[in-house]
Amino acid sequence: MRATVPATYGGMRLDQALARLFPQYSRNRLQAWLLAGNIRVDGAAALAKHAVSGGERVELTPPAVSQAALPAAQRMPLKIVHEDQDLLVIDKPAGLVVHPGAGVPDRTLLNALLAHQPALAQVPRAGIVHRLDKDTSGLIVVAKNVSSQASLARQLAERTMRRTYLAVVQGDPPASGMIDAPIGRDARQRTRMAVTRRGKPARTAYRVLERFGRAALVECKLETGRTHQIRVHFQHLRHPLVGDPVYRRGTRRGIAFARQALHAAELALRHPRDGRAMTWRSPLPRDLRGLLETLRAEA
């Protein structure tokens, strides 16, 4: 993989420049590859702290992926809404974990992707560019090669990839607004996120689509992509998501629902090969339609 350092990066540390040039890889991984000699700058080894001046030619040769270190490929049903030589767009059901982790070693979307397309074993994280929580349903995009993954990661970083969600929140929120509140780890409970001054910038634009008295259907558009962002932001507004098992605490009158009422309804991006604008939409799943019908009947 080759890239040229833009002149605008002049004065930046090499590892910082690399993280922008190859956003599909973590900065720690890029630093390790620098030390191992997998990254050459103008044909020579370089240090992470080296300041770039712009114009340098960078060549990255990722080490071969050990098949033994990969999660197992497992055949599972996937609802594929789009597939071509560069992209996969999946409509993920609630209950499906995206990536193996603590307590969930397999039967994840990543395992299913490796069975559907074995070549994804050579793409970081099997091509997964962004994540959805286990109990959030809806659209997620997967890159089928590293160049597509780099393009999509860059679109995420530059906020040109548009992700629109539908949520059912408790109470009667204002008609619309921008929630601009930094999000970081909860100091008291590290498995949760919270609005905190020590957090990273987080912005969620929203508008109310329908009101039911004790709840509302809200459209949310992410300007950033922090962990649990919509869930944390609406708890911060004192209108937590219906059914949220983590962030609804402290509300006096909860509405019974089996999961957080959150659905990734629309995804829009530029195709990494030719730049054409592409948009996909996912209808509300049956359980959320049932929730809305119940709330309308009550109202």
Protein backbone atom coordinates (compact mmCIF):
# COMPACT_ATOMS: atom_id res chain seq x y z
CA MET A 1 0.00 0.00 0.00
CA ARG A 2 1.47 3.35 -1.07
CA ALA A 3 0.63 6.94 -0.17
CA THR A 4 2.19 10.38 -0.32
CA VAL A 5 2.19 12.59 2.75
CA PRO A 6 0.18 15.78 1.95
CA ALA A 7 1.91 19.12 2.41
CA THR A 8 -0.78 20.06 4.95
CA TYR A 9 0.61 17.37 7.29
CA GLY A 10 3.94 19.23 7.52
CA GLY A 11 5.27 19.28 11.10
CA MET A 12 3.08 16.36 12.20
CA ARG A 13 4.58 13.29 13.88
CA LEU A 14 4.98 10.40 11.46
CA ASP A 15 2.68 8.09 13.43
CA GLN A 16 -0.02 10.77 13.45
CA ALA A 17 0.32 11.23 9.69
CA LEU A 18 0.18 7.45 9.16
CA ALA A 19 -3.03 7.21 11.21
CA ARG A 20 -4.62 9.68 8.78
CA LEU A 21 -3.21 8.06 5.67
CA PHE A 22 -4.26 4.54 6.72
CA PRO A 23 -7.30 5.05 8.99
CA GLN A 24 -8.30 1.38 8.73
CA TYR A 25 -5.42 0.56 11.10
CA SER A 26 -5.00 1.66 14.72
CA ARG A 27 -2.17 4.01 15.62
CA ASN A 28 -0.68 1.39 17.96
CA ARG A 29 -0.59 -1.14 15.13
CA LEU A 30 1.07 1.36 12.78
CA GLN A 31 3.70 2.16 15.43
CA ALA A 32 4.44 -1.55 15.83
CA TRP A 33 4.79 -1.96 12.06
CA LEU A 34 7.17 0.99 11.95
CA LEU A 35 9.39 -0.75 14.52
CA ALA A 36 9.15 -4.05 12.64
CA GLY A 37 10.12 -2.47 9.32
CA ASN A 38 6.77 -2.99 7.61
CA ILE A 39 6.55 0.72 6.86
CA ARG A 40 9.19 2.54 4.81
CA VAL A 41 9.39 6.30 4.26
CA ASP A 42 11.19 7.33 1.08
CA GLY A 43 12.55 3.78 1.00
CA ALA A 44 14.04 3.84 4.50
CA ALA A 45 13.06 2.97 8.06
CA ALA A 46 11.75 5.84 10.19
CA LEU A 47 10.78 6.57 13.79
CA ALA A 48 7.22 7.26 14.95
CA LYS A 49 8.27 10.60 16.49
CA HIS A 50 9.92 11.77 13.24
CA ALA A 51 8.28 14.99 11.97
CA VAL A 52 7.09 14.85 8.37
CA SER A 53 7.46 17.81 6.04
CA GLY A 54 5.06 16.72 3.29
CA GLY A 55 5.77 14.93 0.04
CA GLU A 56 7.32 11.83 1.58
CA ARG A 57 6.46 8.54 -0.13
CA VAL A 58 5.18 5.92 2.30
CA GLU A 59 5.03 2.21 1.56
CA LEU A 60 3.12 -0.08 3.93
CA THR A 61 3.39 -3.86 3.71
CA PRO A 62 1.12 -5.40 6.37
CA PRO A 63 2.39 -8.72 7.70
CA ALA A 64 0.49 -11.80 6.58
CA VAL A 65 -2.48 -12.65 8.80
CA SER A 66 -2.01 -15.88 10.73
CA GLN A 67 -4.97 -18.14 9.99
CA ALA A 68 -4.63 -19.67 13.45
CA ALA A 69 -5.24 -16.27 15.05
CA LEU A 70 -8.47 -15.62 13.13
CA PRO A 71 -11.93 -16.25 14.59
CA ALA A 72 -13.67 -19.28 13.15
CA ALA A 73 -15.78 -18.90 10.01
CA GLN A 74 -19.34 -19.85 10.91
CA ARG A 75 -22.22 -20.09 8.46
CA MET A 76 -25.09 -17.94 9.69
CA PRO A 77 -27.97 -16.24 7.86
CA LEU A 78 -27.13 -12.73 6.71
CA LYS A 79 -29.60 -10.22 5.31
CA ILE A 80 -27.50 -8.66 2.54
CA VAL A 81 -29.04 -5.52 1.05
CA HIS A 82 -26.10 -4.74 -1.25
CA GLU A 83 -22.95 -6.52 -2.42
CA ASP A 84 -20.34 -5.72 -5.05
CA GLN A 85 -16.59 -6.28 -5.41
CA ASP A 86 -15.82 -3.60 -2.78
CA LEU A 87 -18.74 -3.42 -0.35
CA LEU A 88 -21.23 -5.42 1.65
CA VAL A 89 -24.19 -3.74 3.34
CA ILE A 90 -25.87 -5.88 5.97
CA ASP A 91 -29.22 -5.34 7.69
CA LYS A 92 -28.26 -6.61 11.15
CA PRO A 93 -30.96 -8.05 13.41
CA ALA A 94 -31.17 -7.13 17.07
CA GLY A 95 -29.35 -9.68 19.23
CA LEU A 96 -26.41 -10.24 16.88
CA VAL A 97 -23.02 -9.17 18.26
CA VAL A 98 -20.77 -7.56 15.63
CA HIS A 99 -17.31 -8.63 16.85
CA PRO A 100 -16.10 -11.41 19.20
CA GLY A 101 -15.22 -10.18 22.66
CA ALA A 102 -15.40 -10.99 26.34
CA GLY A 103 -18.16 -13.51 26.90
CA VAL A 104 -18.97 -13.74 23.16
CA PRO A 105 -16.22 -15.79 21.50
CA ASP A 106 -18.18 -16.69 18.36
CA ARG A 107 -21.53 -16.63 16.53
CA THR A 108 -20.94 -12.97 15.71
CA LEU A 109 -21.32 -10.99 12.50
CA LEU A 110 -17.56 -11.24 11.98
CA ASN A 111 -17.71 -15.05 12.11
CA ALA A 112 -20.56 -15.03 9.59
CA LEU A 113 -18.68 -12.67 7.28
CA LEU A 114 -15.63 -14.96 7.21
CA ALA A 115 -17.88 -17.84 6.12
CA HIS A 116 -19.66 -15.75 3.49
CA GLN A 117 -16.44 -14.29 2.05
CA PRO A 118 -13.24 -16.12 3.15
CA ALA A 119 -11.05 -13.42 1.52
CA LEU A 120 -12.14 -11.05 4.30
CA ALA A 121 -9.61 -12.87 6.49
CA GLN A 122 -6.96 -10.64 4.89
CA VAL A 123 -8.82 -7.40 5.70
CA PRO A 124 -8.51 -5.90 9.23
CA ARG A 125 -11.54 -6.78 11.38
CA ALA A 126 -12.91 -8.74 8.41
CA GLY A 127 -13.77 -5.43 6.75
CA ILE A 128 -15.97 -4.10 9.54
CA VAL A 129 -15.74 -0.30 9.47
CA HIS A 130 -18.18 0.71 12.21
CA ARG A 131 -20.22 -1.17 14.77
CA LEU A 132 -23.75 -1.42 16.08
CA ASP A 133 -24.56 -2.49 19.62
CA LYS A 134 -25.79 -6.05 20.02
CA ASP A 135 -29.40 -4.99 20.53
CA THR A 136 -29.43 -2.24 17.92
CA SER A 137 -30.84 -3.33 14.57
CA GLY A 138 -30.19 -1.96 11.11
CA LEU A 139 -27.60 -1.15 8.47
CA ILE A 140 -23.87 -1.73 8.74
CA VAL A 141 -21.29 -1.49 5.93
CA VAL A 142 -18.39 -3.89 5.42
CA ALA A 143 -15.38 -3.31 3.15
CA LYS A 144 -14.24 -6.27 1.06
CA ASN A 145 -10.66 -5.05 0.58
CA VAL A 146 -8.21 -2.80 2.39
CA SER A 147 -8.43 0.07 -0.09
CA SER A 148 -12.22 0.21 0.30
CA GLN A 149 -11.82 0.01 4.06
CA ALA A 150 -9.43 2.95 4.00
CA SER A 151 -11.90 5.01 1.95
CA LEU A 152 -14.82 4.21 4.24
CA ALA A 153 -12.78 4.85 7.38
CA ARG A 154 -11.77 8.21 5.93
CA GLN A 155 -15.42 9.05 5.18
CA LEU A 156 -16.27 8.25 8.78
CA ALA A 157 -13.42 10.38 10.08
CA GLU A 158 -14.35 13.28 7.79
CA ARG A 159 -18.05 12.90 8.66
CA THR A 160 -19.13 12.51 5.07
CA MET A 161 -20.72 9.10 5.70
CA ARG A 162 -24.32 9.78 6.80
CA ARG A 163 -25.94 7.48 9.36
CA THR A 164 -29.55 8.05 10.36
CA TYR A 165 -31.22 6.24 13.25
CA LEU A 166 -34.76 5.93 14.53
CA ALA A 167 -35.22 5.76 18.29
CA VAL A 168 -38.15 5.63 20.67
CA VAL A 169 -37.37 7.74 23.73
CA GLN A 170 -39.24 8.14 26.98
CA GLY A 171 -41.09 11.33 27.79
CA ASP A 172 -41.78 14.36 25.62
CA PRO A 173 -38.50 15.85 24.31
CA PRO A 174 -38.13 19.21 22.52
CA ALA A 175 -39.10 19.16 18.84
CA SER A 176 -35.51 19.19 17.56
CA GLY A 177 -31.99 20.08 18.55
CA MET A 178 -28.29 19.33 18.52
CA ILE A 179 -26.93 17.42 21.51
CA ASP A 180 -23.34 18.60 21.81
CA ALA A 181 -21.86 16.85 24.85
CA PRO A 182 -18.51 14.98 25.16
CA ILE A 183 -18.65 11.26 25.90
CA GLY A 184 -16.14 9.13 27.78
CA ARG A 185 -15.97 6.19 30.17
CA ASP A 186 -18.16 6.47 33.26
CA ALA A 187 -15.74 7.03 36.15
CA ARG A 188 -17.93 5.01 38.51
CA GLN A 189 -18.76 2.11 36.19
CA ARG A 190 -16.20 1.43 33.48
CA THR A 191 -18.52 -0.71 31.34
CA ARG A 192 -20.75 2.33 30.79
CA MET A 193 -20.23 5.56 28.90
CA ALA A 194 -21.25 8.98 30.19
CA VAL A 195 -21.27 12.65 29.33
CA THR A 196 -18.07 13.95 30.91
CA ARG A 197 -15.73 16.89 30.46
CA ARG A 198 -12.89 14.40 30.00
CA GLY A 199 -14.66 12.73 27.08
CA LYS A 200 -14.27 13.08 23.33
CA PRO A 201 -16.47 15.50 21.35
CA ALA A 202 -19.85 14.01 20.46
CA ARG A 203 -22.69 15.57 18.47
CA THR A 204 -26.14 14.14 17.73
CA ALA A 205 -28.74 16.06 15.70
CA TYR A 206 -32.33 14.97 16.24
CA ARG A 207 -35.94 15.79 15.45
CA VAL A 208 -39.18 14.37 16.81
CA LEU A 209 -41.24 12.52 14.19
CA GLU A 210 -44.19 11.45 16.34
CA ARG A 211 -45.36 11.95 19.93
CA PHE A 212 -47.27 9.49 22.10
CA GLY A 213 -47.55 11.39 25.38
CA ARG A 214 -45.17 9.32 27.47
CA ALA A 215 -42.81 8.53 24.58
CA ALA A 216 -41.71 9.87 21.20
CA LEU A 217 -40.30 8.56 17.92
CA VAL A 218 -37.12 10.47 17.13
CA GLU A 219 -34.86 10.64 14.08
CA CYS A 220 -31.17 10.98 14.97
CA LYS A 221 -28.21 11.85 12.75
CA LEU A 222 -24.71 11.22 14.02
CA GLU A 223 -22.02 13.81 13.43
CA THR A 224 -19.58 11.71 15.48
CA GLY A 225 -19.48 8.02 16.30
CA ARG A 226 -18.81 7.53 20.00
CA THR A 227 -19.66 4.29 21.78
CA HIS A 228 -23.36 4.27 22.81
CA GLN A 229 -23.62 7.88 21.61
CA ILE A 230 -27.38 8.11 21.02
CA ARG A 231 -28.17 6.16 24.17
CA VAL A 232 -25.91 8.32 26.35
CA HIS A 233 -27.03 11.61 24.80
CA PHE A 234 -30.72 10.95 25.35
CA GLN A 235 -30.11 9.82 28.91
CA HIS A 236 -28.29 13.15 29.33
CA LEU A 237 -31.46 14.91 28.09
CA ARG A 238 -33.46 12.88 30.64
CA HIS A 239 -35.25 11.08 27.81
CA PRO A 240 -33.55 7.66 27.77
CA LEU A 241 -34.34 5.15 25.07
CA VAL A 242 -37.27 2.86 25.71
CA GLY A 243 -36.05 -0.58 26.77
CA ASP A 244 -32.43 0.45 27.34
CA PRO A 245 -31.12 -1.91 30.06
CA VAL A 246 -28.11 0.28 30.86
CA TYR A 247 -29.04 3.93 30.41
CA ARG A 248 -32.69 4.04 31.49
CA ARG A 249 -31.86 3.85 35.21
CA GLY A 250 -33.30 6.61 37.33
CA THR A 251 -36.47 7.03 35.27
CA ARG A 252 -39.63 6.68 37.31
CA ARG A 253 -41.92 5.18 34.71
CA GLY A 254 -40.31 2.87 32.21
CA ILE A 255 -41.99 1.42 29.12
CA ALA A 256 -41.54 -2.33 28.78
CA PHE A 257 -39.57 -3.40 25.72
CA ALA A 258 -37.11 -6.25 25.24
CA ARG A 259 -34.18 -4.14 23.98
CA GLN A 260 -33.14 -0.54 23.45
CA ALA A 261 -35.54 0.90 20.85
CA LEU A 262 -32.88 1.91 18.34
CA HIS A 263 -32.64 1.14 14.62
CA ALA A 264 -30.01 2.17 12.04
CA ALA A 265 -32.50 3.15 9.35
CA GLU A 266 -30.39 4.83 6.66
CA LEU A 267 -26.80 4.71 5.46
CA ALA A 268 -25.35 7.02 2.80
CA LEU A 269 -21.78 7.12 1.51
CA ARG A 270 -19.55 7.57 -1.54
CA HIS A 271 -18.58 4.34 -3.24
CA PRO A 272 -14.85 3.81 -2.62
CA ARG A 273 -14.11 2.80 -6.23
CA ASP A 274 -15.82 5.52 -8.28
CA GLY A 275 -17.13 8.04 -5.74
CA ARG A 276 -20.79 7.74 -6.70
CA ALA A 277 -23.32 8.57 -3.99
CA MET A 278 -25.14 5.52 -2.58
CA THR A 279 -27.96 5.31 -0.05
CA TRP A 280 -29.67 2.35 1.58
CA ARG A 281 -32.71 2.28 3.87
CA SER A 282 -33.93 -0.37 6.26
CA PRO A 283 -37.59 -0.58 7.37
CA LEU A 284 -38.36 -0.83 11.05
CA PRO A 285 -38.23 -4.44 12.28
CA ARG A 286 -41.36 -6.13 13.55
CA ASP A 287 -40.72 -5.58 17.26
CA LEU A 288 -40.31 -1.81 16.84
CA ARG A 289 -43.40 -1.61 14.62
CA GLY A 290 -45.32 -3.41 17.35
CA LEU A 291 -44.04 -0.98 19.98
CA LEU A 292 -45.19 2.00 17.91
CA GLU A 293 -48.61 0.44 17.34
CA THR A 294 -49.02 -0.07 21.09
CA LEU A 295 -47.97 3.49 21.88
CA ARG A 296 -50.33 4.92 19.25
CA ALA A 297 -53.23 2.89 20.65
CA GLU A 298 -52.48 4.12 24.18
CA ALA A 299 -52.17 7.73 23.01
